[in-house]
Amino acid sequence: MNYNLGLHNFVEKYMPVRIQSIIGDTLRSILGPRERKILSEYEKQVLKKQVIVITGDTGLADLASQEEALRSEIGTKINVDLSNSALSKAPEEEAEKRKSELRQT
């Protein structure tokens, strides 16, 4: 597998788990018992979602869909459509072409 593709796959699927772990460790060091319990329940929910992503790992990153999901989430929170912004992803045909190329490697 191409090193760059492997790196993208790692960033997309495994870094969120590591980041959540670091944040959780930091918060547990400063929170009281009640807040730690709340954090623990939250982490269980988050980790369940992340386990689903990891167990479905095909080895290929899908950063385009991650980007679109993030844009949608941000746009919803600020009530703006970001899909047509200057930062929007490549046209749909180009994105499909790249996905096809990635599957062939």
Protein backbone atom coordinates (compact mmCIF):
# COMPACT_ATOMS: atom_id res chain seq x y z
CA MET A 1 0.00 0.00 0.00
CA ASN A 2 1.14 3.50 -0.77
CA TYR A 3 2.62 5.15 2.36
CA ASN A 4 0.48 8.26 1.83
CA LEU A 5 -2.73 6.18 1.67
CA GLY A 6 -1.71 4.33 4.81
CA LEU A 7 -1.08 7.60 6.59
CA HIS A 8 -4.47 8.97 5.54
CA ASN A 9 -6.15 5.78 6.72
CA PHE A 10 -4.38 6.04 10.09
CA VAL A 11 -5.34 9.70 10.50
CA GLU A 12 -8.95 9.04 9.59
CA LYS A 13 -9.56 5.95 11.69
CA TYR A 14 -7.02 5.63 14.47
CA MET A 15 -5.97 9.16 15.44
CA PRO A 16 -9.43 10.04 16.82
CA VAL A 17 -9.07 7.18 19.32
CA ARG A 18 -5.63 8.38 20.38
CA ILE A 19 -6.74 12.00 20.66
CA GLN A 20 -9.81 11.04 22.72
CA SER A 21 -7.56 9.00 25.00
CA ILE A 22 -5.21 11.94 25.55
CA ILE A 23 -8.09 14.33 26.22
CA GLY A 24 -9.71 11.84 28.61
CA ASP A 25 -6.47 11.30 30.52
CA THR A 26 -5.99 15.03 30.89
CA LEU A 27 -9.56 15.64 32.05
CA ARG A 28 -9.47 12.75 34.53
CA SER A 29 -6.41 14.31 36.15
CA ILE A 30 -8.29 17.51 36.98
CA LEU A 31 -11.95 16.48 37.37
CA GLY A 32 -13.68 15.47 40.56
CA PRO A 33 -15.29 12.04 41.05
CA ARG A 34 -18.73 13.11 39.78
CA GLU A 35 -17.33 14.70 36.63
CA ARG A 36 -15.04 11.71 36.00
CA LYS A 37 -18.09 9.45 36.02
CA ILE A 38 -19.82 11.68 33.45
CA LEU A 39 -16.65 11.68 31.34
CA SER A 40 -16.46 7.89 31.57
CA GLU A 41 -20.02 7.51 30.26
CA TYR A 42 -19.32 9.93 27.43
CA GLU A 43 -16.12 8.09 26.48
CA LYS A 44 -17.99 4.78 26.33
CA GLN A 45 -20.40 6.28 23.78
CA VAL A 46 -17.63 7.84 21.71
CA LEU A 47 -15.48 4.71 21.75
CA LYS A 48 -18.41 2.54 20.62
CA LYS A 49 -18.68 4.72 17.50
CA GLN A 50 -14.93 4.63 16.94
CA VAL A 51 -14.79 0.83 17.31
CA ILE A 52 -17.41 0.53 14.56
CA VAL A 53 -15.24 2.67 12.27
CA ILE A 54 -12.10 0.67 13.06
CA THR A 55 -13.72 -2.75 12.68
CA GLY A 56 -15.00 -1.67 9.28
CA ASP A 57 -11.51 -0.59 8.24
CA THR A 58 -10.74 -1.61 4.67
CA GLY A 59 -7.29 -0.08 4.72
CA LEU A 60 -8.37 2.81 2.50
CA ALA A 61 -8.94 6.31 3.77
CA ASP A 62 -12.11 8.14 2.78
CA LEU A 63 -11.05 11.66 3.65
CA ALA A 64 -13.42 13.19 1.10
CA SER A 65 -16.48 11.91 2.96
CA GLN A 66 -14.91 12.90 6.28
CA GLU A 67 -14.39 16.41 4.94
CA GLU A 68 -17.97 16.61 3.67
CA ALA A 69 -19.36 15.38 7.00
CA LEU A 70 -17.28 17.96 8.87
CA ARG A 71 -18.41 20.74 6.53
CA SER A 72 -22.02 19.70 7.02
CA GLU A 73 -21.65 19.62 10.81
CA ILE A 74 -19.95 23.01 10.91
CA GLY A 75 -22.43 24.49 8.44
CA THR A 76 -25.34 23.26 10.54
CA LYS A 77 -23.87 24.78 13.68
CA ILE A 78 -23.29 28.18 12.08
CA ASN A 79 -26.33 27.93 9.79
CA VAL A 80 -24.32 28.25 6.57
CA ASP A 81 -24.10 25.97 3.53
CA LEU A 82 -20.40 25.23 3.13
CA SER A 83 -20.75 22.74 0.29
CA ASN A 84 -20.26 25.41 -2.37
CA SER A 85 -17.54 27.37 -0.61
CA ALA A 86 -14.10 28.04 -2.03
CA LEU A 87 -12.85 25.22 0.19
CA SER A 88 -15.31 22.65 -1.12
CA LYS A 89 -14.09 19.29 -2.35
CA ALA A 90 -13.28 18.45 -5.96
CA PRO A 91 -16.22 17.93 -8.33
CA GLU A 92 -18.05 14.64 -7.85
CA GLU A 93 -16.60 13.06 -11.00
CA GLU A 94 -13.05 13.77 -9.86
CA ALA A 95 -13.75 12.36 -6.39
CA GLU A 96 -15.18 9.16 -7.88
CA LYS A 97 -12.15 8.84 -10.15
CA ARG A 98 -9.81 9.13 -7.16
CA LYS A 99 -11.79 6.53 -5.21
CA SER A 100 -11.58 4.16 -8.16
CA GLU A 101 -7.83 4.69 -8.42
CA LEU A 102 -7.39 4.05 -4.70
CA ARG A 103 -9.30 0.78 -4.88
CA GLN A 104 -7.03 -0.42 -7.69
CA THR A 105 -3.84 0.14 -5.66
